[in-house]
Amino acid sequence: MVDCSDSGGLRWVISLPLVPVPQSSSMVAARTTIIRGEEVFAVAHLFASFNDTFVHVTDLSGRETLVRVTGGMKVKADRDESSPYAAMLAAQDVAARCKELGVTALHVKIRGTGGNKSRSPGPGAQSALRALARNGIKIGRIEDVTPIPSDSTRRKGGRRGRRL
C-alpha cells in the first residue's frame, strides 16, 4: 500500500497489485555470446535538425540505450551545435564507446525534423555518418525515418506565407 497526501489535507491510499517473483534462475543472460568473425549489430538513431545533431545508439530492439552523444555536448557555442564538426566529434565518441561495448556494426536510421517543418536532415547528418564509417564501424542498412504527416497541422507563416 502506498499512502499519498497532498497539501490540501486530503489523503488517499493506492493499493498496488502483488507480482510474484520467480525463484528459479532460468533468466536469460543480458549479454549474448560473441562469435568470432560475426558482426555485432546495434541501431544508430541519427537525428539531425538545424539546431543540433543527436547520435543515439540502442540495441536492435531500440529499448536499451548504449550511448547517446549530441553535437551540443562537444562544442561550447550554441551556434555550433548543429555544425558538421560537432556532429563528427559526437560520432567519434559514439564509435569509441561502441568498440568498448563490442558493437562492430550499426544499422543507421537518419531522421530530419519532419512533421510540418523541413523534411531534410540538418547539416550534421552526413558528417556524422561519415565519421562512424571512418572510425571502423561497419554500416549495415541506412534508412530515412523522418516523420512525414499524412495530414498535418497548419504550417507557420500564415495564409500568404513568409514575406521577405
N, C-alpha and C. Protein backbone atom coordinates (compact mmCIF):
# COMPACT_ATOMS: atom_id res chain seq x y z
N MET A 1 0.84 -1.18 0.00
CA MET A 1 0.00 0.00 0.00
C MET A 1 0.88 1.24 0.00
N VAL A 2 0.47 2.23 -0.72
CA VAL A 2 1.19 3.49 -0.79
C VAL A 2 0.29 4.57 -0.24
N ASP A 3 0.79 5.33 0.73
CA ASP A 3 0.00 6.40 1.35
C ASP A 3 0.37 7.71 0.67
N CYS A 4 -0.58 8.37 0.06
CA CYS A 4 -0.32 9.62 -0.65
C CYS A 4 -1.11 10.74 0.02
N SER A 5 -0.46 11.85 0.24
CA SER A 5 -1.19 13.00 0.78
C SER A 5 -0.68 14.25 0.09
N ASP A 6 -1.55 15.23 -0.08
CA ASP A 6 -1.14 16.46 -0.72
C ASP A 6 -1.33 17.63 0.24
N SER A 7 -1.04 18.83 -0.19
CA SER A 7 -1.07 19.99 0.70
C SER A 7 -2.48 20.39 1.10
N GLY A 8 -3.51 19.89 0.42
CA GLY A 8 -4.89 20.26 0.74
C GLY A 8 -5.47 19.51 1.91
N GLY A 9 -4.70 18.63 2.53
CA GLY A 9 -5.19 17.89 3.67
C GLY A 9 -5.93 16.62 3.28
N LEU A 10 -6.09 16.36 1.99
CA LEU A 10 -6.76 15.14 1.54
C LEU A 10 -5.78 13.98 1.59
N ARG A 11 -6.26 12.80 1.95
CA ARG A 11 -5.41 11.61 1.98
C ARG A 11 -6.09 10.50 1.22
N TRP A 12 -5.32 9.75 0.49
CA TRP A 12 -5.88 8.58 -0.17
C TRP A 12 -4.83 7.48 -0.18
N VAL A 13 -5.27 6.27 -0.36
CA VAL A 13 -4.38 5.12 -0.33
C VAL A 13 -4.52 4.38 -1.65
N ILE A 14 -3.38 4.07 -2.25
CA ILE A 14 -3.35 3.33 -3.50
C ILE A 14 -2.83 1.93 -3.19
N SER A 15 -3.56 0.91 -3.56
CA SER A 15 -3.07 -0.45 -3.34
C SER A 15 -2.50 -0.96 -4.66
N LEU A 16 -1.26 -1.38 -4.62
CA LEU A 16 -0.59 -1.88 -5.80
C LEU A 16 -0.72 -3.40 -5.83
N PRO A 17 -0.94 -4.00 -7.00
CA PRO A 17 -1.07 -5.46 -7.06
C PRO A 17 0.27 -6.13 -6.76
N LEU A 18 0.21 -7.28 -6.10
CA LEU A 18 1.42 -8.03 -5.81
C LEU A 18 1.78 -8.88 -7.02
N VAL A 19 3.05 -8.83 -7.39
CA VAL A 19 3.52 -9.58 -8.55
C VAL A 19 4.46 -10.66 -8.05
N PRO A 20 4.21 -11.93 -8.36
CA PRO A 20 5.12 -12.99 -7.88
C PRO A 20 6.47 -12.89 -8.56
N VAL A 21 7.51 -13.07 -7.77
CA VAL A 21 8.88 -13.02 -8.29
C VAL A 21 9.35 -14.45 -8.49
N PRO A 22 9.82 -14.81 -9.68
CA PRO A 22 10.26 -16.19 -9.90
C PRO A 22 11.51 -16.50 -9.08
N GLN A 23 11.54 -17.68 -8.47
CA GLN A 23 12.66 -18.08 -7.62
C GLN A 23 13.73 -18.81 -8.42
N SER A 24 13.36 -19.43 -9.53
CA SER A 24 14.34 -20.18 -10.31
C SER A 24 15.24 -19.23 -11.07
N SER A 25 16.42 -19.71 -11.38
CA SER A 25 17.39 -18.87 -12.09
C SER A 25 17.36 -19.21 -13.58
N SER A 26 16.18 -19.22 -14.16
CA SER A 26 16.05 -19.53 -15.58
C SER A 26 16.01 -18.27 -16.43
N MET A 27 16.56 -17.18 -15.88
CA MET A 27 16.56 -15.92 -16.63
C MET A 27 17.64 -15.96 -17.70
N VAL A 28 17.37 -15.32 -18.80
CA VAL A 28 18.31 -15.28 -19.92
C VAL A 28 19.36 -14.22 -19.62
N ALA A 29 20.60 -14.53 -19.94
CA ALA A 29 21.69 -13.57 -19.71
C ALA A 29 21.50 -12.36 -20.61
N ALA A 30 21.84 -11.18 -20.08
CA ALA A 30 21.66 -9.95 -20.84
C ALA A 30 22.62 -9.88 -22.02
N ARG A 31 23.82 -10.38 -21.83
CA ARG A 31 24.81 -10.34 -22.91
C ARG A 31 24.75 -11.63 -23.71
N THR A 32 24.90 -11.50 -24.99
CA THR A 32 24.93 -12.68 -25.84
C THR A 32 26.38 -13.07 -26.07
N THR A 33 26.60 -14.31 -26.41
CA THR A 33 27.97 -14.74 -26.68
C THR A 33 28.37 -14.22 -28.05
N ILE A 34 29.57 -13.71 -28.13
CA ILE A 34 30.06 -13.12 -29.38
C ILE A 34 30.90 -14.16 -30.10
N ILE A 35 30.52 -14.47 -31.33
CA ILE A 35 31.25 -15.45 -32.13
C ILE A 35 32.23 -14.69 -33.01
N ARG A 36 33.48 -15.18 -33.05
CA ARG A 36 34.49 -14.51 -33.86
C ARG A 36 34.11 -14.55 -35.34
N GLY A 37 34.35 -13.44 -36.01
CA GLY A 37 34.05 -13.36 -37.43
C GLY A 37 32.66 -12.86 -37.73
N GLU A 38 31.78 -12.84 -36.74
CA GLU A 38 30.43 -12.32 -36.95
C GLU A 38 30.34 -10.91 -36.41
N GLU A 39 29.53 -10.11 -37.08
CA GLU A 39 29.35 -8.72 -36.67
C GLU A 39 28.31 -8.65 -35.55
N VAL A 40 28.56 -7.76 -34.59
CA VAL A 40 27.58 -7.49 -33.54
C VAL A 40 26.90 -6.17 -33.90
N PHE A 41 25.61 -6.24 -34.21
CA PHE A 41 24.89 -5.07 -34.70
C PHE A 41 24.18 -4.33 -33.58
N ALA A 42 24.03 -3.04 -33.79
CA ALA A 42 23.18 -2.18 -32.97
C ALA A 42 22.53 -1.19 -33.93
N VAL A 43 21.68 -0.31 -33.41
CA VAL A 43 20.99 0.67 -34.26
C VAL A 43 21.43 2.06 -33.85
N ALA A 44 21.88 2.86 -34.82
CA ALA A 44 22.26 4.25 -34.57
C ALA A 44 21.11 5.14 -35.05
N HIS A 45 20.45 5.80 -34.11
CA HIS A 45 19.39 6.75 -34.45
C HIS A 45 20.06 8.11 -34.57
N LEU A 46 20.12 8.64 -35.78
CA LEU A 46 20.84 9.88 -36.05
C LEU A 46 19.81 10.97 -36.35
N PHE A 47 19.58 11.84 -35.39
CA PHE A 47 18.59 12.92 -35.56
C PHE A 47 19.35 14.21 -35.82
N ALA A 48 19.20 14.74 -37.03
CA ALA A 48 19.92 15.95 -37.42
C ALA A 48 18.92 17.05 -37.73
N SER A 49 18.76 17.99 -36.80
CA SER A 49 17.91 19.14 -37.06
C SER A 49 18.84 20.31 -37.41
N PHE A 50 18.26 21.48 -37.58
CA PHE A 50 19.09 22.64 -37.91
C PHE A 50 19.60 23.33 -36.65
N ASN A 51 19.29 22.77 -35.47
CA ASN A 51 19.79 23.33 -34.22
C ASN A 51 20.73 22.40 -33.48
N ASP A 52 20.71 21.12 -33.75
CA ASP A 52 21.55 20.17 -33.03
C ASP A 52 21.59 18.85 -33.79
N THR A 53 22.54 17.99 -33.43
CA THR A 53 22.64 16.65 -34.02
C THR A 53 22.77 15.64 -32.89
N PHE A 54 21.90 14.65 -32.86
CA PHE A 54 21.93 13.60 -31.85
C PHE A 54 22.41 12.31 -32.51
N VAL A 55 23.37 11.63 -31.89
CA VAL A 55 23.78 10.30 -32.32
C VAL A 55 23.47 9.38 -31.15
N HIS A 56 22.47 8.53 -31.31
CA HIS A 56 21.92 7.73 -30.21
C HIS A 56 21.96 6.27 -30.63
N VAL A 57 22.76 5.46 -29.95
CA VAL A 57 22.90 4.05 -30.31
C VAL A 57 22.14 3.19 -29.31
N THR A 58 21.27 2.33 -29.83
CA THR A 58 20.49 1.42 -28.99
C THR A 58 20.74 -0.02 -29.46
N ASP A 59 20.22 -0.97 -28.69
CA ASP A 59 20.27 -2.36 -29.15
C ASP A 59 19.28 -2.51 -30.32
N LEU A 60 19.20 -3.70 -30.87
CA LEU A 60 18.39 -3.89 -32.08
C LEU A 60 16.90 -3.65 -31.84
N SER A 61 16.44 -3.86 -30.62
CA SER A 61 15.02 -3.62 -30.34
C SER A 61 14.73 -2.14 -30.17
N GLY A 62 15.74 -1.34 -29.85
CA GLY A 62 15.55 0.10 -29.65
C GLY A 62 15.20 0.46 -28.23
N ARG A 63 15.12 -0.52 -27.33
CA ARG A 63 14.72 -0.23 -25.95
C ARG A 63 15.89 0.19 -25.08
N GLU A 64 17.03 -0.46 -25.25
CA GLU A 64 18.17 -0.23 -24.35
C GLU A 64 19.15 0.73 -25.00
N THR A 65 19.41 1.87 -24.35
CA THR A 65 20.37 2.84 -24.87
C THR A 65 21.78 2.39 -24.54
N LEU A 66 22.64 2.33 -25.54
CA LEU A 66 24.04 2.00 -25.30
C LEU A 66 24.86 3.27 -25.11
N VAL A 67 24.67 4.24 -25.98
CA VAL A 67 25.40 5.51 -25.86
C VAL A 67 24.61 6.59 -26.61
N ARG A 68 24.64 7.79 -26.07
CA ARG A 68 23.97 8.92 -26.72
C ARG A 68 24.86 10.15 -26.55
N VAL A 69 25.25 10.76 -27.66
CA VAL A 69 26.08 11.97 -27.64
C VAL A 69 25.45 12.96 -28.61
N THR A 70 25.44 14.24 -28.23
CA THR A 70 24.90 15.27 -29.11
C THR A 70 26.01 16.22 -29.54
N GLY A 71 25.74 16.98 -30.58
CA GLY A 71 26.71 17.97 -31.02
C GLY A 71 26.91 19.06 -29.98
N GLY A 72 25.86 19.38 -29.24
CA GLY A 72 25.96 20.40 -28.20
C GLY A 72 26.83 19.99 -27.03
N MET A 73 27.05 18.69 -26.84
CA MET A 73 27.94 18.22 -25.78
C MET A 73 29.40 18.39 -26.15
N LYS A 74 29.69 18.63 -27.43
CA LYS A 74 31.07 18.65 -27.91
C LYS A 74 31.60 20.05 -28.17
N VAL A 75 30.73 21.05 -28.31
CA VAL A 75 31.19 22.41 -28.60
C VAL A 75 30.62 23.37 -27.57
N LYS A 76 31.26 24.52 -27.43
CA LYS A 76 30.85 25.50 -26.43
C LYS A 76 29.75 26.43 -26.95
N ALA A 77 29.92 26.91 -28.17
CA ALA A 77 29.00 27.93 -28.69
C ALA A 77 27.69 27.29 -29.16
N ASP A 78 26.57 27.95 -28.85
CA ASP A 78 25.25 27.45 -29.24
C ASP A 78 25.10 27.37 -30.75
N ARG A 79 25.72 28.30 -31.47
CA ARG A 79 25.55 28.33 -32.92
C ARG A 79 26.26 27.16 -33.61
N ASP A 80 27.18 26.50 -32.89
CA ASP A 80 27.95 25.41 -33.50
C ASP A 80 27.37 24.03 -33.22
N GLU A 81 26.25 23.95 -32.48
CA GLU A 81 25.71 22.65 -32.08
C GLU A 81 25.34 21.78 -33.28
N SER A 82 24.83 22.42 -34.34
CA SER A 82 24.38 21.64 -35.50
C SER A 82 25.44 21.54 -36.58
N SER A 83 26.63 22.05 -36.33
CA SER A 83 27.66 22.09 -37.37
C SER A 83 28.16 20.68 -37.69
N PRO A 84 28.68 20.48 -38.90
CA PRO A 84 29.25 19.18 -39.25
C PRO A 84 30.41 18.79 -38.35
N TYR A 85 31.17 19.76 -37.87
CA TYR A 85 32.31 19.47 -36.99
C TYR A 85 31.83 18.88 -35.67
N ALA A 86 30.81 19.48 -35.07
CA ALA A 86 30.27 18.97 -33.81
C ALA A 86 29.68 17.58 -34.00
N ALA A 87 29.01 17.35 -35.12
CA ALA A 87 28.45 16.03 -35.40
C ALA A 87 29.54 14.99 -35.58
N MET A 88 30.65 15.41 -36.20
CA MET A 88 31.78 14.50 -36.39
C MET A 88 32.38 14.10 -35.04
N LEU A 89 32.56 15.09 -34.14
CA LEU A 89 33.10 14.79 -32.81
C LEU A 89 32.17 13.87 -32.03
N ALA A 90 30.87 14.11 -32.12
CA ALA A 90 29.90 13.27 -31.43
C ALA A 90 29.95 11.84 -31.96
N ALA A 91 30.04 11.69 -33.27
CA ALA A 91 30.07 10.36 -33.87
C ALA A 91 31.36 9.62 -33.52
N GLN A 92 32.47 10.35 -33.40
CA GLN A 92 33.73 9.72 -32.99
C GLN A 92 33.63 9.17 -31.57
N ASP A 93 33.01 9.93 -30.67
CA ASP A 93 32.80 9.46 -29.30
C ASP A 93 31.92 8.21 -29.28
N VAL A 94 30.87 8.23 -30.08
CA VAL A 94 29.95 7.10 -30.15
C VAL A 94 30.67 5.86 -30.68
N ALA A 95 31.50 6.03 -31.71
CA ALA A 95 32.23 4.90 -32.28
C ALA A 95 33.19 4.30 -31.27
N ALA A 96 33.87 5.15 -30.50
CA ALA A 96 34.79 4.65 -29.48
C ALA A 96 34.06 3.86 -28.41
N ARG A 97 32.91 4.37 -27.97
CA ARG A 97 32.13 3.68 -26.94
C ARG A 97 31.55 2.37 -27.47
N CYS A 98 31.13 2.35 -28.74
CA CYS A 98 30.61 1.13 -29.33
C CYS A 98 31.68 0.04 -29.38
N LYS A 99 32.91 0.44 -29.70
CA LYS A 99 34.00 -0.53 -29.73
C LYS A 99 34.27 -1.10 -28.34
N GLU A 100 34.17 -0.26 -27.30
CA GLU A 100 34.35 -0.74 -25.93
C GLU A 100 33.28 -1.77 -25.58
N LEU A 101 32.06 -1.54 -26.04
CA LEU A 101 30.95 -2.44 -25.73
C LEU A 101 30.92 -3.68 -26.62
N GLY A 102 31.77 -3.71 -27.64
CA GLY A 102 31.82 -4.88 -28.51
C GLY A 102 30.93 -4.81 -29.73
N VAL A 103 30.35 -3.64 -29.98
CA VAL A 103 29.50 -3.47 -31.17
C VAL A 103 30.40 -3.17 -32.35
N THR A 104 30.27 -3.95 -33.42
CA THR A 104 31.15 -3.76 -34.57
C THR A 104 30.44 -3.20 -35.79
N ALA A 105 29.11 -3.24 -35.80
CA ALA A 105 28.37 -2.77 -36.97
C ALA A 105 27.08 -2.08 -36.53
N LEU A 106 26.65 -1.11 -37.33
CA LEU A 106 25.46 -0.33 -36.99
C LEU A 106 24.50 -0.25 -38.17
N HIS A 107 23.22 -0.42 -37.89
CA HIS A 107 22.19 -0.02 -38.83
C HIS A 107 21.88 1.43 -38.49
N VAL A 108 21.80 2.30 -39.49
CA VAL A 108 21.63 3.73 -39.24
C VAL A 108 20.23 4.17 -39.64
N LYS A 109 19.55 4.86 -38.74
CA LYS A 109 18.26 5.46 -39.04
C LYS A 109 18.43 6.97 -38.96
N ILE A 110 18.37 7.65 -40.11
CA ILE A 110 18.56 9.09 -40.18
C ILE A 110 17.19 9.76 -40.12
N ARG A 111 17.09 10.78 -39.29
CA ARG A 111 15.81 11.47 -39.12
C ARG A 111 16.03 12.97 -39.21
N GLY A 112 15.20 13.64 -40.01
CA GLY A 112 15.16 15.10 -40.03
C GLY A 112 14.09 15.58 -39.07
N THR A 113 13.83 16.87 -39.03
CA THR A 113 12.83 17.40 -38.11
C THR A 113 11.45 16.89 -38.48
N GLY A 114 11.07 16.98 -39.74
CA GLY A 114 9.83 16.40 -40.22
C GLY A 114 8.59 17.07 -39.68
N GLY A 115 7.48 16.35 -39.75
CA GLY A 115 6.20 16.92 -39.36
C GLY A 115 5.82 18.00 -40.35
N ASN A 116 5.41 19.17 -39.85
CA ASN A 116 5.09 20.26 -40.77
C ASN A 116 6.28 21.19 -40.96
N LYS A 117 7.45 20.75 -40.53
CA LYS A 117 8.69 21.52 -40.75
C LYS A 117 9.51 20.85 -41.85
N SER A 118 10.79 21.19 -41.92
CA SER A 118 11.64 20.71 -43.01
C SER A 118 11.83 19.20 -42.94
N ARG A 119 11.74 18.54 -44.10
CA ARG A 119 11.91 17.09 -44.14
C ARG A 119 13.35 16.69 -44.37
N SER A 120 14.21 17.63 -44.73
CA SER A 120 15.61 17.29 -44.99
C SER A 120 16.40 17.28 -43.69
N PRO A 121 17.30 16.31 -43.52
CA PRO A 121 18.12 16.30 -42.31
C PRO A 121 19.07 17.49 -42.28
N GLY A 122 19.51 17.85 -41.10
CA GLY A 122 20.36 19.02 -40.92
C GLY A 122 21.77 18.81 -41.45
N PRO A 123 22.63 19.81 -41.27
CA PRO A 123 23.98 19.76 -41.83
C PRO A 123 24.89 18.71 -41.19
N GLY A 124 24.54 18.21 -40.01
CA GLY A 124 25.43 17.28 -39.32
C GLY A 124 25.23 15.82 -39.69
N ALA A 125 24.18 15.49 -40.43
CA ALA A 125 23.86 14.09 -40.69
C ALA A 125 24.94 13.40 -41.52
N GLN A 126 25.35 14.03 -42.59
CA GLN A 126 26.31 13.40 -43.49
C GLN A 126 27.66 13.22 -42.81
N SER A 127 28.13 14.25 -42.10
CA SER A 127 29.44 14.14 -41.46
C SER A 127 29.43 13.15 -40.31
N ALA A 128 28.31 13.02 -39.60
CA ALA A 128 28.22 12.04 -38.52
C ALA A 128 28.29 10.62 -39.08
N LEU A 129 27.57 10.38 -40.16
CA LEU A 129 27.59 9.06 -40.79
C LEU A 129 28.98 8.73 -41.32
N ARG A 130 29.62 9.71 -41.93
CA ARG A 130 30.97 9.51 -42.46
C ARG A 130 31.96 9.23 -41.34
N ALA A 131 31.82 9.95 -40.20
CA ALA A 131 32.73 9.74 -39.07
C ALA A 131 32.55 8.35 -38.47
N LEU A 132 31.31 7.85 -38.41
CA LEU A 132 31.09 6.49 -37.90
C LEU A 132 31.81 5.47 -38.79
N ALA A 133 31.68 5.65 -40.11
CA ALA A 133 32.29 4.70 -41.04
C ALA A 133 33.82 4.78 -40.99
N ARG A 134 34.36 5.97 -40.83
CA ARG A 134 35.81 6.14 -40.81
C ARG A 134 36.46 5.62 -39.54
N ASN A 135 35.68 5.51 -38.46
CA ASN A 135 36.24 5.06 -37.20
C ASN A 135 36.10 3.55 -37.00
N GLY A 136 35.95 2.82 -38.07
CA GLY A 136 36.00 1.36 -38.01
C GLY A 136 34.68 0.68 -37.70
N ILE A 137 33.58 1.42 -37.72
CA ILE A 137 32.27 0.81 -37.52
C ILE A 137 31.70 0.46 -38.89
N LYS A 138 31.28 -0.78 -39.06
CA LYS A 138 30.68 -1.17 -40.33
C LYS A 138 29.24 -0.69 -40.36
N ILE A 139 28.80 -0.24 -41.51
CA ILE A 139 27.45 0.30 -41.67
C ILE A 139 26.59 -0.75 -42.37
N GLY A 140 25.48 -1.12 -41.75
CA GLY A 140 24.56 -2.08 -42.34
C GLY A 140 23.57 -1.37 -43.24
N ARG A 141 22.35 -1.20 -42.77
CA ARG A 141 21.32 -0.52 -43.56
C ARG A 141 21.25 0.94 -43.16
N ILE A 142 21.00 1.79 -44.15
CA ILE A 142 20.76 3.21 -43.89
C ILE A 142 19.31 3.48 -44.27
N GLU A 143 18.56 4.02 -43.31
CA GLU A 143 17.12 4.20 -43.50
C GLU A 143 16.74 5.62 -43.10
N ASP A 144 15.82 6.23 -43.86
CA ASP A 144 15.31 7.55 -43.52
C ASP A 144 14.01 7.37 -42.75
N VAL A 145 13.97 7.86 -41.50
CA VAL A 145 12.78 7.69 -40.67
C VAL A 145 12.18 9.04 -40.29
N THR A 146 12.37 10.05 -41.15
CA THR A 146 11.79 11.36 -40.91
C THR A 146 10.28 11.26 -40.89
N PRO A 147 9.63 11.79 -39.85
CA PRO A 147 8.17 11.70 -39.80
C PRO A 147 7.52 12.55 -40.89
N ILE A 148 6.70 11.92 -41.70
CA ILE A 148 6.00 12.61 -42.78
C ILE A 148 4.51 12.58 -42.46
N PRO A 149 3.87 13.73 -42.37
CA PRO A 149 2.46 13.74 -41.96
C PRO A 149 1.55 13.26 -43.09
N SER A 150 0.51 12.52 -42.71
CA SER A 150 -0.50 12.14 -43.69
C SER A 150 -1.48 13.30 -43.85
N ASP A 151 -1.75 14.00 -42.77
CA ASP A 151 -2.49 15.25 -42.82
C ASP A 151 -2.02 16.03 -41.61
N SER A 152 -1.52 17.20 -41.83
CA SER A 152 -0.76 17.88 -40.79
C SER A 152 -1.52 19.02 -40.16
N THR A 153 -0.94 19.53 -39.08
CA THR A 153 -1.40 20.80 -38.54
C THR A 153 -0.92 21.89 -39.49
N ARG A 154 -1.48 23.06 -39.35
CA ARG A 154 -1.16 24.16 -40.25
C ARG A 154 0.28 24.61 -40.06
N ARG A 155 0.96 24.85 -41.19
CA ARG A 155 2.33 25.35 -41.14
C ARG A 155 2.36 26.78 -40.68
N LYS A 156 3.49 27.17 -40.10
CA LYS A 156 3.62 28.56 -39.69
C LYS A 156 3.85 29.45 -40.92
N GLY A 157 3.58 30.71 -40.79
CA GLY A 157 3.80 31.64 -41.89
C GLY A 157 2.54 32.34 -42.34
N GLY A 158 1.39 31.81 -41.97
CA GLY A 158 0.14 32.48 -42.32
C GLY A 158 -0.33 32.18 -43.72
N ARG A 159 -1.45 32.78 -44.07
CA ARG A 159 -2.12 32.50 -45.33
C ARG A 159 -1.28 32.88 -46.54
N ARG A 160 -0.59 34.02 -46.49
CA ARG A 160 0.18 34.48 -47.65
C ARG A 160 1.64 34.09 -47.57
N GLY A 161 2.03 33.32 -46.56
CA GLY A 161 3.41 32.85 -46.47
C GLY A 161 4.34 33.89 -45.88
N ARG A 162 5.58 33.51 -45.72
CA ARG A 162 6.58 34.41 -45.16
C ARG A 162 7.02 35.37 -46.24
N ARG A 163 6.89 36.67 -45.96
CA ARG A 163 7.25 37.69 -46.94
C ARG A 163 8.62 38.24 -46.59
N LEU A 164 9.53 38.17 -47.56
CA LEU A 164 10.91 38.60 -47.31
C LEU A 164 11.14 40.05 -47.65
